[in-house]
Amino acid sequence: TDPVLMPSRLREELVSYVEIPYPSAAEEMALAIDGTRPHSIDRILRADDLAAMRSTARRMPIADRVVAYAVRLVQATRNPAEHGLANLAPLVVGGVSPRASIGLVSAAKGLALLAGRDEVALQDVYEVAYEGLVHRVELSEQAVSRGVTSRDVVVEMLSRVAA
């Protein structure tokens, strides 16, 4: 499924932690047998193709309002109360660095390129923000003791920080 066209309900379900179970013994045997067989792989992307895609993504136009959304999300991790998230302020002790804004913008450009569009949309930032922020948010002891995860914090931010 194209992540840009994914229904929001499904996207919200996927945002939460997905547990992938180990295979059964029979499934693992089939994997082990198949994994030792020679395979031929058709090249679908050459190194120069990838370099050209990166160059195209870097030059892709992005509106100031789209960049501003990425920056608001990043700044909300540092100062939740200033972004209408006072309930999260005691739960976050360390927000993400300005490199996260750069990363969100770059990833959003890449997503737009892969979707075949020539301009970055607000939705592109939204789509990449969870993965771009969740591992960088530092939680307080209060959050940990209450069982709040960085996933919970980022989902709340994504649901309440205005695009």
C-alpha atoms as a PDB file:
ATOM      1  CA  THR A   1       0.000   0.000   0.000  1.00  0.00           C
ATOM      2  CA  ASP A   2       1.222   3.453  -0.888  1.00  0.00           C
ATOM      3  CA  PRO A   3       1.869   5.160   2.497  1.00  0.00           C
ATOM      4  CA  VAL A   4       0.526   8.460   1.177  1.00  0.00           C
ATOM      5  CA  LEU A   5      -2.806   6.853   0.251  1.00  0.00           C
ATOM      6  CA  MET A   6      -3.034   4.706   3.384  1.00  0.00           C
ATOM      7  CA  PRO A   7      -6.240   5.330   5.365  1.00  0.00           C
ATOM      8  CA  SER A   8      -5.530   7.239   8.566  1.00  0.00           C
ATOM      9  CA  ARG A   9      -7.112   4.508  10.720  1.00  0.00           C
ATOM     10  CA  LEU A  10      -4.746   1.892   9.289  1.00  0.00           C
ATOM     11  CA  ARG A  11      -1.777   4.259   9.547  1.00  0.00           C
ATOM     12  CA  GLU A  12      -2.576   4.866  13.247  1.00  0.00           C
ATOM     13  CA  GLU A  13      -2.690   1.118  13.861  1.00  0.00           C
ATOM     14  CA  LEU A  14       0.651   0.667  12.132  1.00  0.00           C
ATOM     15  CA  VAL A  15       2.188   3.516  14.122  1.00  0.00           C
ATOM     16  CA  SER A  16       1.852   1.451  17.268  1.00  0.00           C
ATOM     17  CA  TYR A  17       4.399  -1.265  17.913  1.00  0.00           C
ATOM     18  CA  VAL A  18       4.025  -4.239  15.605  1.00  0.00           C
ATOM     19  CA  GLU A  19       5.173  -7.543  17.061  1.00  0.00           C
ATOM     20  CA  ILE A  20       6.372 -10.090  14.524  1.00  0.00           C
ATOM     21  CA  PRO A  21       6.295 -13.650  15.897  1.00  0.00           C
ATOM     22  CA  TYR A  22       9.043 -16.204  15.276  1.00  0.00           C
ATOM     23  CA  PRO A  23       8.258 -18.776  12.584  1.00  0.00           C
ATOM     24  CA  SER A  24       7.178 -22.291  13.479  1.00  0.00           C
ATOM     25  CA  ALA A  25       9.773 -25.065  13.216  1.00  0.00           C
ATOM     26  CA  ALA A  26       8.373 -26.132   9.826  1.00  0.00           C
ATOM     27  CA  GLU A  27       8.420 -22.548   8.528  1.00  0.00           C
ATOM     28  CA  GLU A  28      11.955 -22.048   9.793  1.00  0.00           C
ATOM     29  CA  MET A  29      13.099 -25.279   8.106  1.00  0.00           C
ATOM     30  CA  ALA A  30      11.670 -24.051   4.803  1.00  0.00           C
ATOM     31  CA  LEU A  31      13.458 -20.717   5.287  1.00  0.00           C
ATOM     32  CA  ALA A  32      16.743 -22.462   6.116  1.00  0.00           C
ATOM     33  CA  ILE A  33      16.520 -24.685   3.041  1.00  0.00           C
ATOM     34  CA  ASP A  34      15.525 -21.846   0.732  1.00  0.00           C
ATOM     35  CA  GLY A  35      18.164 -19.553   2.201  1.00  0.00           C
ATOM     36  CA  THR A  36      20.962 -21.930   1.216  1.00  0.00           C
ATOM     37  CA  ARG A  37      19.869 -22.264  -2.422  1.00  0.00           C
ATOM     38  CA  PRO A  38      21.512 -20.078  -5.029  1.00  0.00           C
ATOM     39  CA  HIS A  39      19.299 -17.215  -6.123  1.00  0.00           C
ATOM     40  CA  SER A  40      19.588 -14.886  -9.040  1.00  0.00           C
ATOM     41  CA  ILE A  41      18.717 -11.297  -8.379  1.00  0.00           C
ATOM     42  CA  ASP A  42      17.719  -8.905 -11.098  1.00  0.00           C
ATOM     43  CA  ARG A  43      19.256  -5.522 -10.599  1.00  0.00           C
ATOM     44  CA  ILE A  44      16.438  -3.045 -10.267  1.00  0.00           C
ATOM     45  CA  LEU A  45      18.456  -0.028  -9.185  1.00  0.00           C
ATOM     46  CA  ARG A  46      22.011   0.897 -10.061  1.00  0.00           C
ATOM     47  CA  ALA A  47      24.242   3.032  -7.851  1.00  0.00           C
ATOM     48  CA  ASP A  48      24.086   5.920 -10.320  1.00  0.00           C
ATOM     49  CA  ASP A  49      20.263   5.674 -10.307  1.00  0.00           C
ATOM     50  CA  LEU A  50      20.305   6.063  -6.544  1.00  0.00           C
ATOM     51  CA  ALA A  51      22.666   9.026  -6.763  1.00  0.00           C
ATOM     52  CA  ALA A  52      20.372  10.661  -9.330  1.00  0.00           C
ATOM     53  CA  MET A  53      17.343  10.073  -7.083  1.00  0.00           C
ATOM     54  CA  ARG A  54      19.138  11.652  -4.123  1.00  0.00           C
ATOM     55  CA  SER A  55      20.075  14.646  -6.226  1.00  0.00           C
ATOM     56  CA  THR A  56      16.504  15.015  -7.464  1.00  0.00           C
ATOM     57  CA  ALA A  57      15.126  14.753  -3.923  1.00  0.00           C
ATOM     58  CA  ARG A  58      17.540  17.413  -2.644  1.00  0.00           C
ATOM     59  CA  ARG A  59      16.383  19.840  -5.341  1.00  0.00           C
ATOM     60  CA  MET A  60      12.696  19.113  -4.814  1.00  0.00           C
ATOM     61  CA  PRO A  61      10.758  22.243  -3.874  1.00  0.00           C
ATOM     62  CA  ILE A  62       9.261  22.402  -0.423  1.00  0.00           C
ATOM     63  CA  ALA A  63       6.978  25.183   0.750  1.00  0.00           C
ATOM     64  CA  ASP A  64       7.877  27.175   3.848  1.00  0.00           C
ATOM     65  CA  ARG A  65       4.653  26.019   5.524  1.00  0.00           C
ATOM     66  CA  VAL A  66       5.729  22.382   5.093  1.00  0.00           C
ATOM     67  CA  VAL A  67       9.163  23.076   6.589  1.00  0.00           C
ATOM     68  CA  ALA A  68       7.448  25.017   9.392  1.00  0.00           C
ATOM     69  CA  TYR A  69       5.337  21.945  10.211  1.00  0.00           C
ATOM     70  CA  ALA A  70       8.469  19.788  10.503  1.00  0.00           C
ATOM     71  CA  VAL A  71      10.060  22.411  12.752  1.00  0.00           C
ATOM     72  CA  ARG A  72       6.912  22.659  14.929  1.00  0.00           C
ATOM     73  CA  LEU A  73       6.943  18.899  15.460  1.00  0.00           C
ATOM     74  CA  VAL A  74      10.617  18.956  16.422  1.00  0.00           C
ATOM     75  CA  GLN A  75      10.213  21.939  18.719  1.00  0.00           C
ATOM     76  CA  ALA A  76       7.188  20.323  20.366  1.00  0.00           C
ATOM     77  CA  THR A  77       9.534  17.582  21.600  1.00  0.00           C
ATOM     78  CA  ARG A  78      11.622  20.247  23.363  1.00  0.00           C
ATOM     79  CA  ASN A  79       8.843  22.516  24.651  1.00  0.00           C
ATOM     80  CA  PRO A  80       5.565  20.590  24.635  1.00  0.00           C
ATOM     81  CA  ALA A  81       3.663  23.217  26.652  1.00  0.00           C
ATOM     82  CA  GLU A  82       4.440  25.936  24.099  1.00  0.00           C
ATOM     83  CA  HIS A  83       2.785  23.790  21.437  1.00  0.00           C
ATOM     84  CA  GLY A  84      -0.450  23.042  23.275  1.00  0.00           C
ATOM     85  CA  LEU A  85       0.861  19.846  24.850  1.00  0.00           C
ATOM     86  CA  ALA A  86       1.202  20.831  28.511  1.00  0.00           C
ATOM     87  CA  ASN A  87       0.192  17.297  29.495  1.00  0.00           C
ATOM     88  CA  LEU A  88       3.389  15.988  27.898  1.00  0.00           C
ATOM     89  CA  ALA A  89       5.757  18.512  29.509  1.00  0.00           C
ATOM     90  CA  PRO A  90       6.432  16.445  32.655  1.00  0.00           C
ATOM     91  CA  LEU A  91       6.952  13.323  30.546  1.00  0.00           C
ATOM     92  CA  VAL A  92       9.720  14.579  28.260  1.00  0.00           C
ATOM     93  CA  VAL A  93      13.150  15.569  29.563  1.00  0.00           C
ATOM     94  CA  GLY A  94      15.017  15.654  26.291  1.00  0.00           C
ATOM     95  CA  GLY A  95      13.696  16.752  22.968  1.00  0.00           C
ATOM     96  CA  VAL A  96      15.228  16.135  19.597  1.00  0.00           C
ATOM     97  CA  SER A  97      17.989  18.212  18.060  1.00  0.00           C
ATOM     98  CA  PRO A  98      17.740  20.503  15.031  1.00  0.00           C
ATOM     99  CA  ARG A  99      19.156  17.627  12.991  1.00  0.00           C
ATOM    100  CA  ALA A 100      15.700  16.060  13.310  1.00  0.00           C
ATOM    101  CA  SER A 101      14.184  18.966  11.361  1.00  0.00           C
ATOM    102  CA  ILE A 102      16.740  18.385   8.627  1.00  0.00           C
ATOM    103  CA  GLY A 103      15.997  14.661   8.689  1.00  0.00           C
ATOM    104  CA  LEU A 104      12.229  15.132   8.509  1.00  0.00           C
ATOM    105  CA  VAL A 105      12.526  17.493   5.551  1.00  0.00           C
ATOM    106  CA  SER A 106      14.944  15.167   3.730  1.00  0.00           C
ATOM    107  CA  ALA A 107      12.821  12.084   4.379  1.00  0.00           C
ATOM    108  CA  ALA A 108       9.653  13.914   3.310  1.00  0.00           C
ATOM    109  CA  LYS A 109      11.348  14.898   0.052  1.00  0.00           C
ATOM    110  CA  GLY A 110      12.327  11.277  -0.525  1.00  0.00           C
ATOM    111  CA  LEU A 111       8.791  10.092   0.167  1.00  0.00           C
ATOM    112  CA  ALA A 112       7.346  12.627  -2.251  1.00  0.00           C
ATOM    113  CA  LEU A 113       9.831  11.529  -4.917  1.00  0.00           C
ATOM    114  CA  LEU A 114       8.981   7.849  -4.419  1.00  0.00           C
ATOM    115  CA  ALA A 115       5.286   8.728  -4.665  1.00  0.00           C
ATOM    116  CA  GLY A 116       5.965  10.310  -8.058  1.00  0.00           C
ATOM    117  CA  ARG A 117       5.210  13.860  -6.995  1.00  0.00           C
ATOM    118  CA  ASP A 118       7.314  16.909  -7.754  1.00  0.00           C
ATOM    119  CA  GLU A 119       6.551  18.805  -4.557  1.00  0.00           C
ATOM    120  CA  VAL A 120       6.574  17.896  -0.866  1.00  0.00           C
ATOM    121  CA  ALA A 121       3.230  17.912   0.951  1.00  0.00           C
ATOM    122  CA  LEU A 122       2.396  18.331   4.633  1.00  0.00           C
ATOM    123  CA  GLN A 123       1.288  14.700   4.601  1.00  0.00           C
ATOM    124  CA  ASP A 124       4.817  13.626   3.637  1.00  0.00           C
ATOM    125  CA  VAL A 125       6.200  15.197   6.814  1.00  0.00           C
ATOM    126  CA  TYR A 126       3.443  13.557   8.842  1.00  0.00           C
ATOM    127  CA  GLU A 127       4.197  10.156   7.287  1.00  0.00           C
ATOM    128  CA  VAL A 128       7.917  10.252   8.139  1.00  0.00           C
ATOM    129  CA  ALA A 129       7.690  12.015  11.511  1.00  0.00           C
ATOM    130  CA  TYR A 130       6.864   8.996  13.665  1.00  0.00           C
ATOM    131  CA  GLU A 131       9.948   7.049  12.627  1.00  0.00           C
ATOM    132  CA  GLY A 132      12.024  10.208  12.585  1.00  0.00           C
ATOM    133  CA  LEU A 133      11.181  11.249  16.141  1.00  0.00           C
ATOM    134  CA  VAL A 134      10.220   8.227  18.231  1.00  0.00           C
ATOM    135  CA  HIS A 135      13.723   6.969  18.907  1.00  0.00           C
ATOM    136  CA  ARG A 136      15.056  10.422  19.785  1.00  0.00           C
ATOM    137  CA  VAL A 137      12.618  11.581  22.473  1.00  0.00           C
ATOM    138  CA  GLU A 138      14.015  11.191  25.998  1.00  0.00           C
ATOM    139  CA  LEU A 139      11.432  10.399  28.652  1.00  0.00           C
ATOM    140  CA  SER A 140      11.339  11.467  32.290  1.00  0.00           C
ATOM    141  CA  GLU A 141      11.305   9.013  35.162  1.00  0.00           C
ATOM    142  CA  GLN A 142       7.666   9.973  35.703  1.00  0.00           C
ATOM    143  CA  ALA A 143       6.827   8.829  32.175  1.00  0.00           C
ATOM    144  CA  VAL A 144       8.684   5.559  32.626  1.00  0.00           C
ATOM    145  CA  SER A 145       7.010   4.877  35.979  1.00  0.00           C
ATOM    146  CA  ARG A 146       3.592   5.514  34.394  1.00  0.00           C
ATOM    147  CA  GLY A 147       4.361   3.160  31.517  1.00  0.00           C
ATOM    148  CA  VAL A 148       4.376   5.936  28.938  1.00  0.00           C
ATOM    149  CA  THR A 149       6.607   5.227  25.955  1.00  0.00           C
ATOM    150  CA  SER A 150       8.221   7.533  23.441  1.00  0.00           C
ATOM    151  CA  ARG A 151       5.775   6.031  20.945  1.00  0.00           C
ATOM    152  CA  ASP A 152       2.890   7.338  23.056  1.00  0.00           C
ATOM    153  CA  VAL A 153       4.433  10.804  23.228  1.00  0.00           C
ATOM    154  CA  VAL A 154       5.108  11.056  19.491  1.00  0.00           C
ATOM    155  CA  VAL A 155       1.640   9.772  18.563  1.00  0.00           C
ATOM    156  CA  GLU A 156       0.111  12.437  20.855  1.00  0.00           C
ATOM    157  CA  MET A 157       2.282  15.115  19.235  1.00  0.00           C
ATOM    158  CA  LEU A 158       1.361  13.987  15.735  1.00  0.00           C
ATOM    159  CA  SER A 159      -2.314  14.020  16.612  1.00  0.00           C
ATOM    160  CA  ARG A 160      -2.263  17.499  18.160  1.00  0.00           C
ATOM    161  CA  VAL A 161       0.451  19.629  16.510  1.00  0.00           C
ATOM    162  CA  ALA A 162      -1.262  21.484  13.704  1.00  0.00           C
ATOM    163  CA  ALA A 163      -0.065  20.948  10.187  1.00  0.00           C
END
